[in-house]
């Protein structure tokens, strides 16, 4: 996120993602559906892109990309 110029928002996003992963870093499927998680993350990224760059479309395609690559 720092490379994208979005580092100032990282702490807030990290708190919002708390609980989505187990202590070992594995996604907690028993707590949250992956598709819901990806949708929520895209919404957060759109908010960050709007606040930092005034362009929420910068996060468009995130959900589709993630689901295509990780939902088997």
Protein backbone atom coordinates (compact mmCIF):
# COMPACT_ATOMS: atom_id res chain seq x y z
CA UNK A 1 0.00 0.00 0.00
CA UNK A 2 2.92 2.28 0.66
CA UNK A 3 4.13 1.88 -2.91
CA UNK A 4 0.72 3.03 -4.12
CA UNK A 5 0.81 6.10 -1.89
CA UNK A 6 -1.90 4.70 0.38
CA UNK A 7 0.22 3.96 3.45
CA UNK A 8 -1.50 6.50 5.69
CA UNK A 9 -4.66 4.37 5.60
CA UNK A 10 -2.99 1.04 6.37
CA UNK A 11 -3.55 1.07 10.13
CA UNK A 12 -7.27 1.74 9.77
CA UNK A 13 -7.64 -0.98 7.15
CA UNK A 14 -5.69 -3.48 9.21
CA UNK A 15 -8.11 -2.97 12.10
CA UNK A 16 -11.10 -3.51 9.80
CA UNK A 17 -9.58 -6.76 8.51
CA UNK A 18 -8.91 -8.06 12.02
CA UNK A 19 -10.63 -11.39 12.56
CA UNK A 20 -10.69 -12.38 8.89
CA UNK A 21 -7.50 -14.38 9.34
CA UNK A 22 -6.37 -16.85 11.96
CA UNK A 23 -3.15 -16.35 13.93
CA UNK A 24 -1.32 -18.54 11.41
CA UNK A 25 -2.37 -16.22 8.55
CA UNK A 26 -4.94 -18.57 7.02
CA UNK A 27 -8.24 -17.02 5.98
CA UNK A 28 -10.96 -17.86 8.52
CA UNK A 29 -13.56 -19.47 6.24
CA UNK A 30 -15.57 -20.57 9.25
CA UNK A 31 -16.06 -16.94 10.32
CA UNK A 32 -16.62 -15.21 6.99
CA UNK A 33 -17.44 -16.19 3.43
CA UNK A 34 -14.56 -15.36 1.09
CA UNK A 35 -16.83 -13.59 -1.41
CA UNK A 36 -18.17 -11.33 1.36
CA UNK A 37 -14.63 -10.61 2.55
CA UNK A 38 -13.49 -9.67 -0.96
CA UNK A 39 -16.52 -7.42 -1.45
CA UNK A 40 -15.82 -5.66 1.86
CA UNK A 41 -12.15 -5.20 0.98
CA UNK A 42 -13.05 -3.70 -2.40
CA UNK A 43 -15.37 -1.24 -0.63
CA UNK A 44 -12.57 -0.29 1.77
CA UNK A 45 -10.11 0.15 -1.10
CA UNK A 46 -12.58 2.34 -2.95
CA UNK A 47 -12.91 4.54 0.15
CA UNK A 48 -9.13 4.79 0.47
CA UNK A 49 -8.69 5.55 -3.23
CA UNK A 50 -11.31 8.29 -2.96
CA UNK A 51 -9.73 9.83 0.14
CA UNK A 52 -6.17 9.63 -1.17
CA UNK A 53 -6.58 10.20 -4.90
CA UNK A 54 -10.15 11.42 -5.41
CA UNK A 55 -10.80 8.43 -7.67
CA UNK A 56 -12.69 5.45 -6.28
CA UNK A 57 -12.47 3.69 -9.67
CA UNK A 58 -8.80 2.99 -8.87
CA UNK A 59 -10.03 -0.08 -6.96
CA UNK A 60 -12.37 -1.32 -9.69
CA UNK A 61 -11.66 -4.84 -10.74
CA UNK A 62 -10.25 -5.93 -7.37
CA UNK A 63 -13.19 -8.17 -6.52
CA UNK A 64 -13.29 -9.81 -9.94
CA UNK A 65 -9.53 -10.36 -9.93
CA UNK A 66 -9.52 -11.93 -6.46
CA UNK A 67 -12.45 -14.22 -7.12
CA UNK A 68 -11.04 -15.34 -10.45
CA UNK A 69 -7.66 -16.15 -8.91
CA UNK A 70 -8.56 -17.54 -5.48
CA UNK A 71 -12.03 -19.02 -5.40
CA UNK A 72 -11.15 -22.17 -7.32
